[in-house]
PDB file of N, CA and C in Angstrom:
ATOM      1  N   MET A   1     -13.345   9.405  -0.484  1.00  0.00           N
ATOM      2  CA  MET A   1     -12.588   9.898  -1.598  1.00  0.00           C
ATOM      3  C   MET A   1     -11.131   9.990  -1.186  1.00  0.00           C
ATOM      4  N   LYS A   2     -10.257   9.740  -2.130  1.00  0.00           N
ATOM      5  CA  LYS A   2      -8.826   9.842  -1.876  1.00  0.00           C
ATOM      6  C   LYS A   2      -8.302  11.031  -2.661  1.00  0.00           C
ATOM      7  N   LEU A   3      -7.495  11.855  -1.982  1.00  0.00           N
ATOM      8  CA  LEU A   3      -6.980  13.068  -2.594  1.00  0.00           C
ATOM      9  C   LEU A   3      -5.462  13.097  -2.551  1.00  0.00           C
ATOM     10  N   SER A   4      -4.861  13.635  -3.597  1.00  0.00           N
ATOM     11  CA  SER A   4      -3.435  13.907  -3.626  1.00  0.00           C
ATOM     12  C   SER A   4      -3.249  15.366  -3.266  1.00  0.00           C
ATOM     13  N   ILE A   5      -2.356  15.623  -2.288  1.00  0.00           N
ATOM     14  CA  ILE A   5      -2.072  16.996  -1.861  1.00  0.00           C
ATOM     15  C   ILE A   5      -0.549  17.148  -1.823  1.00  0.00           C
ATOM     16  N   PRO A   6       0.075  17.460  -2.961  1.00  0.00           N
ATOM     17  CA  PRO A   6       1.540  17.515  -3.039  1.00  0.00           C
ATOM     18  C   PRO A   6       2.189  18.514  -2.085  1.00  0.00           C
ATOM     19  N   ASP A   7       1.495  19.615  -1.762  1.00  0.00           N
ATOM     20  CA  ASP A   7       2.081  20.642  -0.906  1.00  0.00           C
ATOM     21  C   ASP A   7       2.012  20.310   0.579  1.00  0.00           C
ATOM     22  N   MET A   8       1.442  19.177   0.939  1.00  0.00           N
ATOM     23  CA  MET A   8       1.328  18.758   2.340  1.00  0.00           C
ATOM     24  C   MET A   8       2.602  17.986   2.693  1.00  0.00           C
ATOM     25  N   THR A   9       3.490  18.639   3.482  1.00  0.00           N
ATOM     26  CA  THR A   9       4.803  18.043   3.709  1.00  0.00           C
ATOM     27  C   THR A   9       5.218  17.897   5.173  1.00  0.00           C
ATOM     28  N   CYS A  10       4.432  18.451   6.112  1.00  0.00           N
ATOM     29  CA  CYS A  10       4.871  18.423   7.513  1.00  0.00           C
ATOM     30  C   CYS A  10       3.680  18.233   8.452  1.00  0.00           C
ATOM     31  N   GLY A  11       3.972  18.148   9.711  1.00  0.00           N
ATOM     32  CA  GLY A  11       2.921  17.967  10.709  1.00  0.00           C
ATOM     33  C   GLY A  11       1.935  19.124  10.752  1.00  0.00           C
ATOM     34  N   HIS A  12       2.427  20.342  10.555  1.00  0.00           N
ATOM     35  CA  HIS A  12       1.528  21.504  10.529  1.00  0.00           C
ATOM     36  C   HIS A  12       0.577  21.394   9.337  1.00  0.00           C
ATOM     37  N   CYS A  13       1.106  20.988   8.183  1.00  0.00           N
ATOM     38  CA  CYS A  13       0.274  20.796   6.981  1.00  0.00           C
ATOM     39  C   CYS A  13      -0.814  19.763   7.270  1.00  0.00           C
ATOM     40  N   LYS A  14      -0.408  18.650   7.866  1.00  0.00           N
ATOM     41  CA  LYS A  14      -1.338  17.563   8.193  1.00  0.00           C
ATOM     42  C   LYS A  14      -2.462  18.082   9.081  1.00  0.00           C
ATOM     43  N   ALA A  15      -2.096  18.831  10.118  1.00  0.00           N
ATOM     44  CA  ALA A  15      -3.091  19.362  11.054  1.00  0.00           C
ATOM     45  C   ALA A  15      -4.041  20.333  10.356  1.00  0.00           C
ATOM     46  N   THR A  16      -3.515  21.158   9.465  1.00  0.00           N
ATOM     47  CA  THR A  16      -4.348  22.129   8.750  1.00  0.00           C
ATOM     48  C   THR A  16      -5.333  21.415   7.831  1.00  0.00           C
ATOM     49  N   VAL A  17      -4.863  20.406   7.116  1.00  0.00           N
ATOM     50  CA  VAL A  17      -5.738  19.642   6.219  1.00  0.00           C
ATOM     51  C   VAL A  17      -6.834  18.950   7.025  1.00  0.00           C
ATOM     52  N   GLU A  18      -6.464  18.295   8.110  1.00  0.00           N
ATOM     53  CA  GLU A  18      -7.458  17.615   8.950  1.00  0.00           C
ATOM     54  C   GLU A  18      -8.489  18.604   9.497  1.00  0.00           C
ATOM     55  N   ARG A  19      -8.024  19.725  10.039  1.00  0.00           N
ATOM     56  CA  ARG A  19      -8.921  20.729  10.616  1.00  0.00           C
ATOM     57  C   ARG A  19      -9.865  21.299   9.563  1.00  0.00           C
ATOM     58  N   THR A  20      -9.339  21.554   8.384  1.00  0.00           N
ATOM     59  CA  THR A  20     -10.154  22.122   7.308  1.00  0.00           C
ATOM     60  C   THR A  20     -11.309  21.191   6.960  1.00  0.00           C
ATOM     61  N   ILE A  21     -11.025  19.907   6.859  1.00  0.00           N
ATOM     62  CA  ILE A  21     -12.066  18.935   6.505  1.00  0.00           C
ATOM     63  C   ILE A  21     -13.047  18.744   7.659  1.00  0.00           C
ATOM     64  N   ILE A  22     -12.529  18.642   8.881  1.00  0.00           N
ATOM     65  CA  ILE A  22     -13.387  18.464  10.060  1.00  0.00           C
ATOM     66  C   ILE A  22     -14.285  19.687  10.268  1.00  0.00           C
ATOM     67  N   ASP A  23     -13.781  20.877   9.924  1.00  0.00           N
ATOM     68  CA  ASP A  23     -14.612  22.085  10.043  1.00  0.00           C
ATOM     69  C   ASP A  23     -15.813  22.029   9.104  1.00  0.00           C
ATOM     70  N   LEU A  24     -15.676  21.341   7.972  1.00  0.00           N
ATOM     71  CA  LEU A  24     -16.786  21.185   7.030  1.00  0.00           C
ATOM     72  C   LEU A  24     -17.787  20.134   7.511  1.00  0.00           C
ATOM     73  N   ASP A  25     -17.264  19.070   8.141  1.00  0.00           N
ATOM     74  CA  ASP A  25     -18.103  17.966   8.589  1.00  0.00           C
ATOM     75  C   ASP A  25     -17.461  17.352   9.827  1.00  0.00           C
ATOM     76  N   SER A  26     -18.017  17.652  10.981  1.00  0.00           N
ATOM     77  CA  SER A  26     -17.428  17.181  12.237  1.00  0.00           C
ATOM     78  C   SER A  26     -17.424  15.666  12.373  1.00  0.00           C
ATOM     79  N   THR A  27     -18.184  14.966  11.538  1.00  0.00           N
ATOM     80  CA  THR A  27     -18.215  13.504  11.599  1.00  0.00           C
ATOM     81  C   THR A  27     -17.325  12.864  10.534  1.00  0.00           C
ATOM     82  N   ALA A  28     -16.576  13.681   9.798  1.00  0.00           N
ATOM     83  CA  ALA A  28     -15.713  13.150   8.736  1.00  0.00           C
ATOM     84  C   ALA A  28     -14.625  12.254   9.319  1.00  0.00           C
ATOM     85  N   ASP A  29     -14.272  11.237   8.559  1.00  0.00           N
ATOM     86  CA  ASP A  29     -13.149  10.368   8.898  1.00  0.00           C
ATOM     87  C   ASP A  29     -12.014  10.758   7.962  1.00  0.00           C
ATOM     88  N   VAL A  30     -10.901  11.219   8.529  1.00  0.00           N
ATOM     89  CA  VAL A  30      -9.792  11.737   7.741  1.00  0.00           C
ATOM     90  C   VAL A  30      -8.528  10.966   8.098  1.00  0.00           C
ATOM     91  N   VAL A  31      -7.890  10.358   7.088  1.00  0.00           N
ATOM     92  CA  VAL A  31      -6.635   9.632   7.293  1.00  0.00           C
ATOM     93  C   VAL A  31      -5.591  10.232   6.359  1.00  0.00           C
ATOM     94  N   VAL A  32      -4.574  10.859   6.957  1.00  0.00           N
ATOM     95  CA  VAL A  32      -3.530  11.525   6.191  1.00  0.00           C
ATOM     96  C   VAL A  32      -2.300  10.634   6.111  1.00  0.00           C
ATOM     97  N   ASP A  33      -1.705  10.539   4.926  1.00  0.00           N
ATOM     98  CA  ASP A  33      -0.434   9.848   4.716  1.00  0.00           C
ATOM     99  C   ASP A  33       0.554  10.892   4.211  1.00  0.00           C
ATOM    100  N   LEU A  34       1.352  11.434   5.144  1.00  0.00           N
ATOM    101  CA  LEU A  34       2.298  12.482   4.766  1.00  0.00           C
ATOM    102  C   LEU A  34       3.326  11.992   3.758  1.00  0.00           C
ATOM    103  N   GLY A  35       3.806  10.767   3.909  1.00  0.00           N
ATOM    104  CA  GLY A  35       4.818  10.224   3.004  1.00  0.00           C
ATOM    105  C   GLY A  35       4.346  10.156   1.566  1.00  0.00           C
ATOM    106  N   ALA A  36       3.080   9.813   1.386  1.00  0.00           N
ATOM    107  CA  ALA A  36       2.507   9.699   0.034  1.00  0.00           C
ATOM    108  C   ALA A  36       1.821  10.990  -0.407  1.00  0.00           C
ATOM    109  N   HIS A  37       1.722  11.967   0.510  1.00  0.00           N
ATOM    110  CA  HIS A  37       1.039  13.244   0.228  1.00  0.00           C
ATOM    111  C   HIS A  37      -0.415  13.006  -0.191  1.00  0.00           C
ATOM    112  N   THR A  38      -1.079  12.104   0.540  1.00  0.00           N
ATOM    113  CA  THR A  38      -2.474  11.794   0.234  1.00  0.00           C
ATOM    114  C   THR A  38      -3.324  11.884   1.497  1.00  0.00           C
ATOM    115  N   VAL A  39      -4.620  11.999   1.273  1.00  0.00           N
ATOM    116  CA  VAL A  39      -5.582  11.972   2.377  1.00  0.00           C
ATOM    117  C   VAL A  39      -6.795  11.177   1.910  1.00  0.00           C
ATOM    118  N   GLN A  40      -7.254  10.278   2.779  1.00  0.00           N
ATOM    119  CA  GLN A  40      -8.465   9.504   2.537  1.00  0.00           C
ATOM    120  C   GLN A  40      -9.558  10.139   3.383  1.00  0.00           C
ATOM    121  N   VAL A  41     -10.662  10.531   2.740  1.00  0.00           N
ATOM    122  CA  VAL A  41     -11.724  11.247   3.427  1.00  0.00           C
ATOM    123  C   VAL A  41     -13.053  10.530   3.235  1.00  0.00           C
ATOM    124  N   GLU A  42     -13.739  10.282   4.335  1.00  0.00           N
ATOM    125  CA  GLU A  42     -15.115   9.788   4.303  1.00  0.00           C
ATOM    126  C   GLU A  42     -15.961  10.900   4.914  1.00  0.00           C
ATOM    127  N   THR A  43     -16.778  11.527   4.086  1.00  0.00           N
ATOM    128  CA  THR A  43     -17.563  12.671   4.543  1.00  0.00           C
ATOM    129  C   THR A  43     -18.862  12.785   3.756  1.00  0.00           C
ATOM    130  N   LYS A  44     -19.816  13.473   4.352  1.00  0.00           N
ATOM    131  CA  LYS A  44     -21.080  13.754   3.674  1.00  0.00           C
ATOM    132  C   LYS A  44     -20.974  15.030   2.837  1.00  0.00           C
ATOM    133  N   THR A  45     -19.910  15.783   3.034  1.00  0.00           N
ATOM    134  CA  THR A  45     -19.698  17.033   2.313  1.00  0.00           C
ATOM    135  C   THR A  45     -19.341  16.742   0.856  1.00  0.00           C
ATOM    136  N   PRO A  46     -19.946  17.451  -0.078  1.00  0.00           N
ATOM    137  CA  PRO A  46     -19.617  17.235  -1.493  1.00  0.00           C
ATOM    138  C   PRO A  46     -18.129  17.476  -1.772  1.00  0.00           C
ATOM    139  N   ALA A  47     -17.584  16.674  -2.671  1.00  0.00           N
ATOM    140  CA  ALA A  47     -16.156  16.731  -2.985  1.00  0.00           C
ATOM    141  C   ALA A  47     -15.718  18.127  -3.415  1.00  0.00           C
ATOM    142  N   ASP A  48     -16.530  18.809  -4.208  1.00  0.00           N
ATOM    143  CA  ASP A  48     -16.125  20.129  -4.679  1.00  0.00           C
ATOM    144  C   ASP A  48     -15.973  21.118  -3.519  1.00  0.00           C
ATOM    145  N   MET A  49     -16.767  20.974  -2.483  1.00  0.00           N
ATOM    146  CA  MET A  49     -16.644  21.846  -1.311  1.00  0.00           C
ATOM    147  C   MET A  49     -15.360  21.545  -0.536  1.00  0.00           C
ATOM    148  N   VAL A  50     -15.012  20.264  -0.427  1.00  0.00           N
ATOM    149  CA  VAL A  50     -13.764  19.869   0.247  1.00  0.00           C
ATOM    150  C   VAL A  50     -12.576  20.428  -0.523  1.00  0.00           C
ATOM    151  N   LEU A  51     -12.578  20.251  -1.839  1.00  0.00           N
ATOM    152  CA  LEU A  51     -11.476  20.732  -2.665  1.00  0.00           C
ATOM    153  C   LEU A  51     -11.336  22.253  -2.573  1.00  0.00           C
ATOM    154  N   LYS A  52     -12.441  22.950  -2.587  1.00  0.00           N
ATOM    155  CA  LYS A  52     -12.432  24.414  -2.513  1.00  0.00           C
ATOM    156  C   LYS A  52     -11.879  24.876  -1.160  1.00  0.00           C
ATOM    157  N   ALA A  53     -12.307  24.243  -0.081  1.00  0.00           N
ATOM    158  CA  ALA A  53     -11.841  24.611   1.259  1.00  0.00           C
ATOM    159  C   ALA A  53     -10.340  24.353   1.412  1.00  0.00           C
ATOM    160  N   LEU A  54      -9.869  23.222   0.908  1.00  0.00           N
ATOM    161  CA  LEU A  54      -8.440  22.919   0.990  1.00  0.00           C
ATOM    162  C   LEU A  54      -7.628  23.923   0.178  1.00  0.00           C
ATOM    163  N   ALA A  55      -8.086  24.256  -1.023  1.00  0.00           N
ATOM    164  CA  ALA A  55      -7.381  25.229  -1.861  1.00  0.00           C
ATOM    165  C   ALA A  55      -7.320  26.588  -1.165  1.00  0.00           C
ATOM    166  N   ALA A  56      -8.403  26.974  -0.489  1.00  0.00           N
ATOM    167  CA  ALA A  56      -8.441  28.254   0.221  1.00  0.00           C
ATOM    168  C   ALA A  56      -7.417  28.302   1.353  1.00  0.00           C
ATOM    169  N   GLU A  57      -7.082  27.133   1.905  1.00  0.00           N
ATOM    170  CA  GLU A  57      -6.082  27.051   2.978  1.00  0.00           C
ATOM    171  C   GLU A  57      -4.660  26.903   2.431  1.00  0.00           C
ATOM    172  N   GLY A  58      -4.537  26.849   1.101  1.00  0.00           N
ATOM    173  CA  GLY A  58      -3.198  26.738   0.493  1.00  0.00           C
ATOM    174  C   GLY A  58      -2.781  25.314   0.178  1.00  0.00           C
ATOM    175  N   TYR A  59      -3.739  24.395   0.179  1.00  0.00           N
ATOM    176  CA  TYR A  59      -3.445  22.992  -0.104  1.00  0.00           C
ATOM    177  C   TYR A  59      -4.313  22.476  -1.246  1.00  0.00           C
ATOM    178  N   PRO A  60      -4.008  22.906  -2.473  1.00  0.00           N
ATOM    179  CA  PRO A  60      -4.799  22.406  -3.607  1.00  0.00           C
ATOM    180  C   PRO A  60      -4.690  20.886  -3.692  1.00  0.00           C
ATOM    181  N   ALA A  61      -5.815  20.238  -3.918  1.00  0.00           N
ATOM    182  CA  ALA A  61      -5.874  18.774  -3.932  1.00  0.00           C
ATOM    183  C   ALA A  61      -6.436  18.288  -5.259  1.00  0.00           C
ATOM    184  N   THR A  62      -6.025  17.078  -5.618  1.00  0.00           N
ATOM    185  CA  THR A  62      -6.513  16.431  -6.835  1.00  0.00           C
ATOM    186  C   THR A  62      -7.125  15.094  -6.441  1.00  0.00           C
ATOM    187  N   PRO A  63      -8.347  14.821  -6.863  1.00  0.00           N
ATOM    188  CA  PRO A  63      -8.949  13.510  -6.566  1.00  0.00           C
ATOM    189  C   PRO A  63      -8.166  12.377  -7.238  1.00  0.00           C
ATOM    190  N   LEU A  64      -8.037  11.278  -6.532  1.00  0.00           N
ATOM    191  CA  LEU A  64      -7.367  10.079  -7.063  1.00  0.00           C
ATOM    192  C   LEU A  64      -8.425   8.994  -7.277  1.00  0.00           C
ATOM    193  N   PRO A  65      -8.150   8.085  -8.219  1.00  0.00           N
ATOM    194  CA  PRO A  65      -9.104   6.981  -8.445  1.00  0.00           C
ATOM    195  C   PRO A  65      -9.200   6.041  -7.271  1.00  0.00           C
TER     196      PRO A  65
END
């Protein structure tokens, strides 16, 4: 799934987003593009759980097509 995360603007943001997703699924593949404010996630965790966890960390995300 590809997510838009407009509030992700720096290296600390990137690390927090990656850690949040990896904490849900240690086998997740996470690719962050800070310039585009997007993250590509391959995980077994349901999308709603990923979105909820990111929002709880202060990074509300919107799924992209």
